[in-house]
Amino acid sequence: MSSTESFSNYNDLEKKTTSELLKIINKEDKIVPLIVEESLKEISVLIDKVFERMVEGGRLFYIGSGTPGRLGIIDASECPPTFGVDNNVIIGVIAGGDTAIRNSIEGAEDDLIQAWIDLEKYHVNNKDSVIGITASGRTPYVVGGLKKCKDEGLLTGLLTCNKNSKASKFSNIKIETIVGPEVVTGSTRMKSGTAQKLILNMISTTLMIKLGKVKGNKMVDMTLSNSKLIDRGVRFVSDELNITYSEAEKLLKQSNSVRDAINNYKNN
């Protein structure tokens, strides 16, 4: 039996109080970052390999079904507003298409060839990288997608919560975070999903920093699309240039870019 399908260490959950359930879930959640820590070397290798291709114009794709697919889409969709990159730099692809973001699409994950069909819509090439996300490591959509991608010369990576899975055979770099049984048996949206989210945060954030989208510790290319982000941008400019909030606000209004506001001030 795979680790992600093994029975929970807890029984009679329906008989426990709210407080008892929360303590159990929290206890299990605490182990996830420590398990992820054991894979930092592999995560680093994967990021560096993806980065080498991105500087040559390559893109990063995430493929998955269900929760893993949604996590990939969340991570990809947050990069443009946070770091000011194009929507086609990091792309999330989910079995069943956009409808599957909100609704379960029965059987979509069982198709071995659909992931490649979905990726072909983006005219993928051997400069691109594809990371499969699957807790079990045997989701056909991901397995078939990674196999075809590897055959076509794309860099392939894998985020999974089982050892020596089917998908690992077609992954240049595999990240196996064995978080153990879920509190609710088989509910891999829990610890497995948390591990995947933590690693996706690492991958995209580190890539964006390496691509020059962060200055010091600030998102200098973020999209100024609402009042909260504009305020944040003003504070970034004020702190970076050691000027008043009102002075920084004026600079930002003139340039509509944190990076440009800082550079224009320094160049004058």
C-alpha atoms as a PDB file:
ATOM      1  CA  MET A   1       0.000   0.000   0.000  1.00  0.00           C
ATOM      2  CA  SER A   2       1.293   3.465  -0.858  1.00  0.00           C
ATOM      3  CA  SER A   3       2.119   5.868   1.954  1.00  0.00           C
ATOM      4  CA  THR A   4      -0.625   8.279   0.930  1.00  0.00           C
ATOM      5  CA  GLU A   5      -3.264   5.539   1.008  1.00  0.00           C
ATOM      6  CA  SER A   6      -2.215   3.979   4.324  1.00  0.00           C
ATOM      7  CA  PHE A   7      -4.718   4.094   7.152  1.00  0.00           C
ATOM      8  CA  SER A   8      -4.797   7.038   9.534  1.00  0.00           C
ATOM      9  CA  ASN A   9      -3.062   6.799  12.888  1.00  0.00           C
ATOM     10  CA  TYR A  10      -6.288   8.030  14.486  1.00  0.00           C
ATOM     11  CA  ASN A  11      -9.631   6.307  14.874  1.00  0.00           C
ATOM     12  CA  ASP A  12     -13.166   7.243  15.932  1.00  0.00           C
ATOM     13  CA  LEU A  13     -12.679  10.766  14.574  1.00  0.00           C
ATOM     14  CA  GLU A  14     -16.424  11.345  14.545  1.00  0.00           C
ATOM     15  CA  LYS A  15     -16.499  10.852  18.324  1.00  0.00           C
ATOM     16  CA  LYS A  16     -13.867  13.482  19.085  1.00  0.00           C
ATOM     17  CA  THR A  17     -14.514  17.062  20.158  1.00  0.00           C
ATOM     18  CA  THR A  18     -13.651  20.032  17.998  1.00  0.00           C
ATOM     19  CA  SER A  19     -10.651  20.773  20.215  1.00  0.00           C
ATOM     20  CA  GLU A  20      -9.405  17.202  19.974  1.00  0.00           C
ATOM     21  CA  LEU A  21      -9.699  17.206  16.177  1.00  0.00           C
ATOM     22  CA  LEU A  22      -7.829  20.496  15.876  1.00  0.00           C
ATOM     23  CA  LYS A  23      -4.988  19.245  18.058  1.00  0.00           C
ATOM     24  CA  ILE A  24      -4.678  16.082  15.971  1.00  0.00           C
ATOM     25  CA  ILE A  25      -4.639  17.967  12.661  1.00  0.00           C
ATOM     26  CA  ASN A  26      -2.197  20.554  13.986  1.00  0.00           C
ATOM     27  CA  LYS A  27       0.095  17.829  15.369  1.00  0.00           C
ATOM     28  CA  GLU A  28       0.248  16.162  11.967  1.00  0.00           C
ATOM     29  CA  ASP A  29       0.681  19.442  10.095  1.00  0.00           C
ATOM     30  CA  LYS A  30       3.752  20.298  12.173  1.00  0.00           C
ATOM     31  CA  ILE A  31       5.757  17.449  10.668  1.00  0.00           C
ATOM     32  CA  VAL A  32       5.327  18.650   7.080  1.00  0.00           C
ATOM     33  CA  PRO A  33       7.974  21.437   7.001  1.00  0.00           C
ATOM     34  CA  LEU A  34      10.496  19.068   8.583  1.00  0.00           C
ATOM     35  CA  ILE A  35       9.825  16.465   5.894  1.00  0.00           C
ATOM     36  CA  VAL A  36      10.160  19.131   3.203  1.00  0.00           C
ATOM     37  CA  GLU A  37      13.482  20.190   4.732  1.00  0.00           C
ATOM     38  CA  GLU A  38      14.872  16.741   3.947  1.00  0.00           C
ATOM     39  CA  SER A  39      14.346  17.432   0.226  1.00  0.00           C
ATOM     40  CA  LEU A  40      15.975  20.872   0.029  1.00  0.00           C
ATOM     41  CA  LYS A  41      18.909  19.525  -2.003  1.00  0.00           C
ATOM     42  CA  GLU A  42      16.628  18.066  -4.665  1.00  0.00           C
ATOM     43  CA  ILE A  43      14.457  21.186  -4.693  1.00  0.00           C
ATOM     44  CA  SER A  44      17.569  23.310  -5.206  1.00  0.00           C
ATOM     45  CA  VAL A  45      18.748  21.166  -8.111  1.00  0.00           C
ATOM     46  CA  LEU A  46      15.326  21.365  -9.750  1.00  0.00           C
ATOM     47  CA  ILE A  47      15.148  25.152  -9.391  1.00  0.00           C
ATOM     48  CA  ASP A  48      18.623  25.656 -10.828  1.00  0.00           C
ATOM     49  CA  LYS A  49      17.871  23.416 -13.815  1.00  0.00           C
ATOM     50  CA  VAL A  50      14.585  25.242 -14.497  1.00  0.00           C
ATOM     51  CA  PHE A  51      16.322  28.607 -14.122  1.00  0.00           C
ATOM     52  CA  GLU A  52      18.973  27.663 -16.707  1.00  0.00           C
ATOM     53  CA  ARG A  53      16.204  27.095 -19.216  1.00  0.00           C
ATOM     54  CA  MET A  54      14.176  30.147 -18.235  1.00  0.00           C
ATOM     55  CA  VAL A  55      17.055  32.535 -18.914  1.00  0.00           C
ATOM     56  CA  GLU A  56      17.128  31.060 -22.419  1.00  0.00           C
ATOM     57  CA  GLY A  57      13.437  31.831 -22.871  1.00  0.00           C
ATOM     58  CA  GLY A  58      11.992  28.613 -21.497  1.00  0.00           C
ATOM     59  CA  ARG A  59       8.789  28.429 -19.476  1.00  0.00           C
ATOM     60  CA  LEU A  60       7.746  26.395 -16.454  1.00  0.00           C
ATOM     61  CA  PHE A  61       4.595  24.282 -16.533  1.00  0.00           C
ATOM     62  CA  TYR A  62       2.871  22.542 -13.651  1.00  0.00           C
ATOM     63  CA  ILE A  63       0.629  19.572 -14.468  1.00  0.00           C
ATOM     64  CA  GLY A  64      -1.711  17.809 -12.058  1.00  0.00           C
ATOM     65  CA  SER A  65      -5.257  16.761 -11.318  1.00  0.00           C
ATOM     66  CA  GLY A  66      -7.572  17.619  -8.437  1.00  0.00           C
ATOM     67  CA  THR A  67      -5.890  19.318  -5.494  1.00  0.00           C
ATOM     68  CA  PRO A  68      -2.343  19.159  -6.955  1.00  0.00           C
ATOM     69  CA  GLY A  69      -3.576  20.654 -10.221  1.00  0.00           C
ATOM     70  CA  ARG A  70      -5.319  23.470  -8.371  1.00  0.00           C
ATOM     71  CA  LEU A  71      -2.230  24.170  -6.273  1.00  0.00           C
ATOM     72  CA  GLY A  72      -0.158  24.472  -9.444  1.00  0.00           C
ATOM     73  CA  ILE A  73      -2.652  26.896 -10.948  1.00  0.00           C
ATOM     74  CA  ILE A  74      -2.705  28.990  -7.764  1.00  0.00           C
ATOM     75  CA  ASP A  75       1.076  29.239  -7.697  1.00  0.00           C
ATOM     76  CA  ALA A  76       1.319  30.121 -11.391  1.00  0.00           C
ATOM     77  CA  SER A  77      -1.509  32.667 -11.275  1.00  0.00           C
ATOM     78  CA  GLU A  78       0.048  34.545  -8.368  1.00  0.00           C
ATOM     79  CA  CYS A  79       3.345  35.215 -10.145  1.00  0.00           C
ATOM     80  CA  PRO A  80       2.176  37.918 -12.615  1.00  0.00           C
ATOM     81  CA  PRO A  81       0.660  40.270 -10.004  1.00  0.00           C
ATOM     82  CA  THR A  82       3.354  39.564  -7.418  1.00  0.00           C
ATOM     83  CA  PHE A  83       6.413  39.745  -9.640  1.00  0.00           C
ATOM     84  CA  GLY A  84       5.212  41.516 -12.790  1.00  0.00           C
ATOM     85  CA  VAL A  85       5.995  38.624 -15.133  1.00  0.00           C
ATOM     86  CA  ASP A  86       3.964  37.647 -18.163  1.00  0.00           C
ATOM     87  CA  ASN A  87       1.173  35.097 -17.730  1.00  0.00           C
ATOM     88  CA  ASN A  88       3.129  32.705 -19.939  1.00  0.00           C
ATOM     89  CA  VAL A  89       6.238  32.409 -17.766  1.00  0.00           C
ATOM     90  CA  ILE A  90       4.818  29.934 -15.240  1.00  0.00           C
ATOM     91  CA  ILE A  91       1.691  28.084 -16.322  1.00  0.00           C
ATOM     92  CA  GLY A  92      -0.577  25.709 -14.414  1.00  0.00           C
ATOM     93  CA  VAL A  93      -2.373  22.970 -16.340  1.00  0.00           C
ATOM     94  CA  ILE A  94      -5.061  20.820 -14.703  1.00  0.00           C
ATOM     95  CA  ALA A  95      -6.741  17.608 -15.846  1.00  0.00           C
ATOM     96  CA  GLY A  96     -10.225  18.515 -17.035  1.00  0.00           C
ATOM     97  CA  GLY A  97      -9.342  22.098 -17.955  1.00  0.00           C
ATOM     98  CA  ASP A  98     -10.490  25.302 -16.302  1.00  0.00           C
ATOM     99  CA  THR A  99     -13.799  23.773 -15.217  1.00  0.00           C
ATOM    100  CA  ALA A 100     -11.841  21.404 -12.960  1.00  0.00           C
ATOM    101  CA  ILE A 101     -10.495  24.338 -10.948  1.00  0.00           C
ATOM    102  CA  ARG A 102     -13.848  24.556  -9.166  1.00  0.00           C
ATOM    103  CA  ASN A 103     -15.526  21.256  -9.982  1.00  0.00           C
ATOM    104  CA  SER A 104     -14.521  17.603 -10.034  1.00  0.00           C
ATOM    105  CA  ILE A 105     -14.288  16.261 -13.585  1.00  0.00           C
ATOM    106  CA  GLU A 106     -14.847  12.522 -13.333  1.00  0.00           C
ATOM    107  CA  GLY A 107     -12.212  10.425 -15.057  1.00  0.00           C
ATOM    108  CA  ALA A 108     -10.114  13.355 -16.283  1.00  0.00           C
ATOM    109  CA  GLU A 109      -7.064  12.234 -14.327  1.00  0.00           C
ATOM    110  CA  ASP A 110      -7.186   8.720 -15.814  1.00  0.00           C
ATOM    111  CA  ASP A 111      -6.214   9.802 -19.349  1.00  0.00           C
ATOM    112  CA  LEU A 112      -2.569   9.017 -20.151  1.00  0.00           C
ATOM    113  CA  ILE A 113      -2.333  11.234 -23.244  1.00  0.00           C
ATOM    114  CA  GLN A 114      -4.416  14.294 -22.321  1.00  0.00           C
ATOM    115  CA  ALA A 115      -1.652  16.149 -20.462  1.00  0.00           C
ATOM    116  CA  TRP A 116       0.509  16.245 -23.575  1.00  0.00           C
ATOM    117  CA  ILE A 117      -2.487  17.360 -25.661  1.00  0.00           C
ATOM    118  CA  ASP A 118      -3.069  20.165 -23.144  1.00  0.00           C
ATOM    119  CA  LEU A 119       0.602  21.172 -23.195  1.00  0.00           C
ATOM    120  CA  GLU A 120       0.765  21.189 -26.992  1.00  0.00           C
ATOM    121  CA  LYS A 121      -1.711  24.085 -26.966  1.00  0.00           C
ATOM    122  CA  TYR A 122       1.171  26.158 -25.579  1.00  0.00           C
ATOM    123  CA  HIS A 123       3.589  24.945 -28.300  1.00  0.00           C
ATOM    124  CA  VAL A 124       5.975  23.511 -25.714  1.00  0.00           C
ATOM    125  CA  ASN A 125       9.572  22.952 -26.757  1.00  0.00           C
ATOM    126  CA  ASN A 126      12.786  21.557 -25.306  1.00  0.00           C
ATOM    127  CA  LYS A 127      13.604  24.834 -23.566  1.00  0.00           C
ATOM    128  CA  ASP A 128      10.558  24.378 -21.333  1.00  0.00           C
ATOM    129  CA  SER A 129      10.323  22.556 -18.008  1.00  0.00           C
ATOM    130  CA  VAL A 130       7.372  20.538 -16.718  1.00  0.00           C
ATOM    131  CA  ILE A 131       6.768  19.637 -13.076  1.00  0.00           C
ATOM    132  CA  GLY A 132       4.217  16.953 -12.356  1.00  0.00           C
ATOM    133  CA  ILE A 133       2.359  17.250  -9.055  1.00  0.00           C
ATOM    134  CA  THR A 134       0.742  14.069  -7.747  1.00  0.00           C
ATOM    135  CA  ALA A 135       0.541  12.876  -4.152  1.00  0.00           C
ATOM    136  CA  SER A 136       0.275   9.235  -5.179  1.00  0.00           C
ATOM    137  CA  GLY A 137       2.829   9.447  -7.969  1.00  0.00           C
ATOM    138  CA  ARG A 138       0.654   7.259 -10.165  1.00  0.00           C
ATOM    139  CA  THR A 139      -1.995   9.612 -11.553  1.00  0.00           C
ATOM    140  CA  PRO A 140      -2.185   8.647 -15.262  1.00  0.00           C
ATOM    141  CA  TYR A 141      -2.590  12.267 -16.410  1.00  0.00           C
ATOM    142  CA  VAL A 142       0.724  13.162 -14.774  1.00  0.00           C
ATOM    143  CA  VAL A 143       2.527   9.887 -15.541  1.00  0.00           C
ATOM    144  CA  GLY A 144       1.658  10.050 -19.230  1.00  0.00           C
ATOM    145  CA  GLY A 145       2.428  13.743 -19.424  1.00  0.00           C
ATOM    146  CA  LEU A 146       5.875  13.403 -17.865  1.00  0.00           C
ATOM    147  CA  LYS A 147       6.750  10.413 -20.046  1.00  0.00           C
ATOM    148  CA  LYS A 148       5.932  12.264 -23.258  1.00  0.00           C
ATOM    149  CA  CYS A 149       7.674  15.436 -22.051  1.00  0.00           C
ATOM    150  CA  LYS A 150      10.839  13.533 -21.209  1.00  0.00           C
ATOM    151  CA  ASP A 151      10.737  11.779 -24.587  1.00  0.00           C
ATOM    152  CA  GLU A 152      10.473  15.183 -26.272  1.00  0.00           C
ATOM    153  CA  GLY A 153      13.508  16.583 -24.427  1.00  0.00           C
ATOM    154  CA  LEU A 154      11.768  18.783 -21.884  1.00  0.00           C
ATOM    155  CA  LEU A 155      13.141  18.945 -18.356  1.00  0.00           C
ATOM    156  CA  THR A 156      10.811  16.992 -16.071  1.00  0.00           C
ATOM    157  CA  GLY A 157      10.377  17.248 -12.316  1.00  0.00           C
ATOM    158  CA  LEU A 158       8.053  15.551  -9.870  1.00  0.00           C
ATOM    159  CA  LEU A 159       6.450  16.502  -6.561  1.00  0.00           C
ATOM    160  CA  THR A 160       5.063  13.389  -4.882  1.00  0.00           C
ATOM    161  CA  CYS A 161       4.482  11.922  -1.439  1.00  0.00           C
ATOM    162  CA  ASN A 162       5.426   8.320  -2.262  1.00  0.00           C
ATOM    163  CA  LYS A 163       8.744   6.614  -2.941  1.00  0.00           C
ATOM    164  CA  ASN A 164       9.580   5.013  -6.281  1.00  0.00           C
ATOM    165  CA  SER A 165       6.269   5.847  -7.928  1.00  0.00           C
ATOM    166  CA  LYS A 166       5.377   5.342 -11.590  1.00  0.00           C
ATOM    167  CA  ALA A 167       5.821   9.045 -12.299  1.00  0.00           C
ATOM    168  CA  SER A 168       9.361   9.018 -10.874  1.00  0.00           C
ATOM    169  CA  LYS A 169      10.501   6.851 -13.794  1.00  0.00           C
ATOM    170  CA  PHE A 170       9.885   9.770 -16.149  1.00  0.00           C
ATOM    171  CA  SER A 171      11.247  12.568 -13.970  1.00  0.00           C
ATOM    172  CA  ASN A 172      14.725  14.027 -14.334  1.00  0.00           C
ATOM    173  CA  ILE A 173      14.470  15.317 -10.768  1.00  0.00           C
ATOM    174  CA  LYS A 174      12.070  13.854  -8.231  1.00  0.00           C
ATOM    175  CA  ILE A 175      11.083  15.395  -4.908  1.00  0.00           C
ATOM    176  CA  GLU A 176       9.568  12.772  -2.641  1.00  0.00           C
ATOM    177  CA  THR A 177       8.146  14.138   0.606  1.00  0.00           C
ATOM    178  CA  ILE A 178       6.869  11.192   2.622  1.00  0.00           C
ATOM    179  CA  VAL A 179       4.495  12.871   5.042  1.00  0.00           C
ATOM    180  CA  GLY A 180       2.812   9.623   6.076  1.00  0.00           C
ATOM    181  CA  PRO A 181      -0.856   8.754   6.576  1.00  0.00           C
ATOM    182  CA  GLU A 182      -3.392  11.553   6.468  1.00  0.00           C
ATOM    183  CA  VAL A 183      -5.609  12.244   9.493  1.00  0.00           C
ATOM    184  CA  VAL A 184      -8.567  11.273   7.305  1.00  0.00           C
ATOM    185  CA  THR A 185      -7.347   8.209   5.432  1.00  0.00           C
ATOM    186  CA  GLY A 186      -6.465   9.045   1.829  1.00  0.00           C
ATOM    187  CA  SER A 187      -7.371  12.752   2.064  1.00  0.00           C
ATOM    188  CA  THR A 188      -4.238  14.003   0.344  1.00  0.00           C
ATOM    189  CA  ARG A 189      -5.483  17.588   0.251  1.00  0.00           C
ATOM    190  CA  MET A 190      -4.227  17.707   3.850  1.00  0.00           C
ATOM    191  CA  LYS A 191      -0.537  16.998   4.668  1.00  0.00           C
ATOM    192  CA  SER A 192       0.348  16.038   1.108  1.00  0.00           C
ATOM    193  CA  GLY A 193      -1.232  19.218  -0.236  1.00  0.00           C
ATOM    194  CA  THR A 194       0.548  21.285   2.392  1.00  0.00           C
ATOM    195  CA  ALA A 195       3.905  19.808   1.387  1.00  0.00           C
ATOM    196  CA  GLN A 196       3.199  20.555  -2.274  1.00  0.00           C
ATOM    197  CA  LYS A 197       2.170  24.138  -1.500  1.00  0.00           C
ATOM    198  CA  LEU A 198       5.321  24.760   0.534  1.00  0.00           C
ATOM    199  CA  ILE A 199       7.530  23.445  -2.264  1.00  0.00           C
ATOM    200  CA  LEU A 200       5.691  25.394  -4.961  1.00  0.00           C
ATOM    201  CA  ASN A 201       6.206  28.559  -2.897  1.00  0.00           C
ATOM    202  CA  MET A 202       9.923  27.773  -2.809  1.00  0.00           C
ATOM    203  CA  ILE A 203      10.164  27.062  -6.519  1.00  0.00           C
ATOM    204  CA  SER A 204       8.359  30.118  -7.871  1.00  0.00           C
ATOM    205  CA  THR A 205       9.682  32.596  -5.303  1.00  0.00           C
ATOM    206  CA  THR A 206      13.292  31.491  -5.714  1.00  0.00           C
ATOM    207  CA  LEU A 207      12.998  31.579  -9.505  1.00  0.00           C
ATOM    208  CA  MET A 208      11.576  35.101  -9.426  1.00  0.00           C
ATOM    209  CA  ILE A 209      14.362  36.291  -7.114  1.00  0.00           C
ATOM    210  CA  LYS A 210      16.989  34.727  -9.393  1.00  0.00           C
ATOM    211  CA  LEU A 211      15.305  36.406 -12.388  1.00  0.00           C
ATOM    212  CA  GLY A 212      15.775  39.806 -10.737  1.00  0.00           C
ATOM    213  CA  LYS A 213      12.171  40.419  -9.719  1.00  0.00           C
ATOM    214  CA  VAL A 214      13.081  41.254  -6.118  1.00  0.00           C
ATOM    215  CA  LYS A 215      15.341  44.060  -4.896  1.00  0.00           C
ATOM    216  CA  GLY A 216      16.617  43.607  -1.356  1.00  0.00           C
ATOM    217  CA  ASN A 217      13.460  42.014  -0.025  1.00  0.00           C
ATOM    218  CA  LYS A 218      10.895  43.970  -2.030  1.00  0.00           C
ATOM    219  CA  MET A 219       8.656  43.008  -4.970  1.00  0.00           C
ATOM    220  CA  VAL A 220       9.732  45.895  -7.149  1.00  0.00           C
ATOM    221  CA  ASP A 221       7.833  44.708 -10.229  1.00  0.00           C
ATOM    222  CA  MET A 222       4.505  43.921  -8.567  1.00  0.00           C
ATOM    223  CA  THR A 223       1.306  45.053 -10.269  1.00  0.00           C
ATOM    224  CA  LEU A 224      -0.197  48.153  -8.607  1.00  0.00           C
ATOM    225  CA  SER A 225      -3.767  47.040  -9.165  1.00  0.00           C
ATOM    226  CA  ASN A 226      -5.537  48.099  -5.967  1.00  0.00           C
ATOM    227  CA  SER A 227      -5.237  50.493  -3.033  1.00  0.00           C
ATOM    228  CA  LYS A 228      -3.525  47.947  -0.788  1.00  0.00           C
ATOM    229  CA  LEU A 229      -0.818  47.248  -3.360  1.00  0.00           C
ATOM    230  CA  ILE A 230      -0.367  50.941  -4.124  1.00  0.00           C
ATOM    231  CA  ASP A 231       0.125  51.627  -0.410  1.00  0.00           C
ATOM    232  CA  ARG A 232       2.625  48.783  -0.244  1.00  0.00           C
ATOM    233  CA  GLY A 233       4.448  50.203  -3.242  1.00  0.00           C
ATOM    234  CA  VAL A 234       4.627  53.641  -1.678  1.00  0.00           C
ATOM    235  CA  ARG A 235       6.071  52.154   1.505  1.00  0.00           C
ATOM    236  CA  PHE A 236       8.619  50.193  -0.516  1.00  0.00           C
ATOM    237  CA  VAL A 237       9.777  53.357  -2.298  1.00  0.00           C
ATOM    238  CA  SER A 238       9.835  55.345   0.932  1.00  0.00           C
ATOM    239  CA  ASP A 239      11.934  52.723   2.712  1.00  0.00           C
ATOM    240  CA  GLU A 240      14.314  52.125  -0.179  1.00  0.00           C
ATOM    241  CA  LEU A 241      15.016  55.816  -0.767  1.00  0.00           C
ATOM    242  CA  ASN A 242      14.654  56.970   2.842  1.00  0.00           C
ATOM    243  CA  ILE A 243      12.123  59.628   1.910  1.00  0.00           C
ATOM    244  CA  THR A 244       8.702  60.547   3.318  1.00  0.00           C
ATOM    245  CA  TYR A 245       5.542  58.668   2.440  1.00  0.00           C
ATOM    246  CA  SER A 246       4.128  61.670   0.558  1.00  0.00           C
ATOM    247  CA  GLU A 247       7.321  62.081  -1.471  1.00  0.00           C
ATOM    248  CA  ALA A 248       7.299  58.390  -2.321  1.00  0.00           C
ATOM    249  CA  GLU A 249       3.622  58.536  -3.258  1.00  0.00           C
ATOM    250  CA  LYS A 250       4.307  61.335  -5.719  1.00  0.00           C
ATOM    251  CA  LEU A 251       7.173  59.396  -7.306  1.00  0.00           C
ATOM    252  CA  LEU A 252       5.076  56.270  -7.645  1.00  0.00           C
ATOM    253  CA  LYS A 253       2.187  58.144  -9.275  1.00  0.00           C
ATOM    254  CA  GLN A 254       4.595  59.520 -11.861  1.00  0.00           C
ATOM    255  CA  SER A 255       6.095  56.156 -12.787  1.00  0.00           C
ATOM    256  CA  ASN A 256       3.397  53.632 -11.812  1.00  0.00           C
ATOM    257  CA  SER A 257       6.228  51.213 -11.028  1.00  0.00           C
ATOM    258  CA  VAL A 258       8.160  50.631  -7.814  1.00  0.00           C
ATOM    259  CA  ARG A 259      11.309  49.779  -9.749  1.00  0.00           C
ATOM    260  CA  ASP A 260      11.056  52.817 -12.024  1.00  0.00           C
ATOM    261  CA  ALA A 261      10.265  55.136  -9.109  1.00  0.00           C
ATOM    262  CA  ILE A 262      13.407  54.024  -7.297  1.00  0.00           C
ATOM    263  CA  ASN A 263      15.635  54.118 -10.383  1.00  0.00           C
ATOM    264  CA  ASN A 264      14.334  57.492 -11.590  1.00  0.00           C
ATOM    265  CA  TYR A 265      14.984  59.076  -8.215  1.00  0.00           C
ATOM    266  CA  LYS A 266      18.497  57.651  -8.018  1.00  0.00           C
ATOM    267  CA  ASN A 267      19.327  58.724 -11.563  1.00  0.00           C
ATOM    268  CA  ASN A 268      18.219  62.344 -11.087  1.00  0.00           C
END
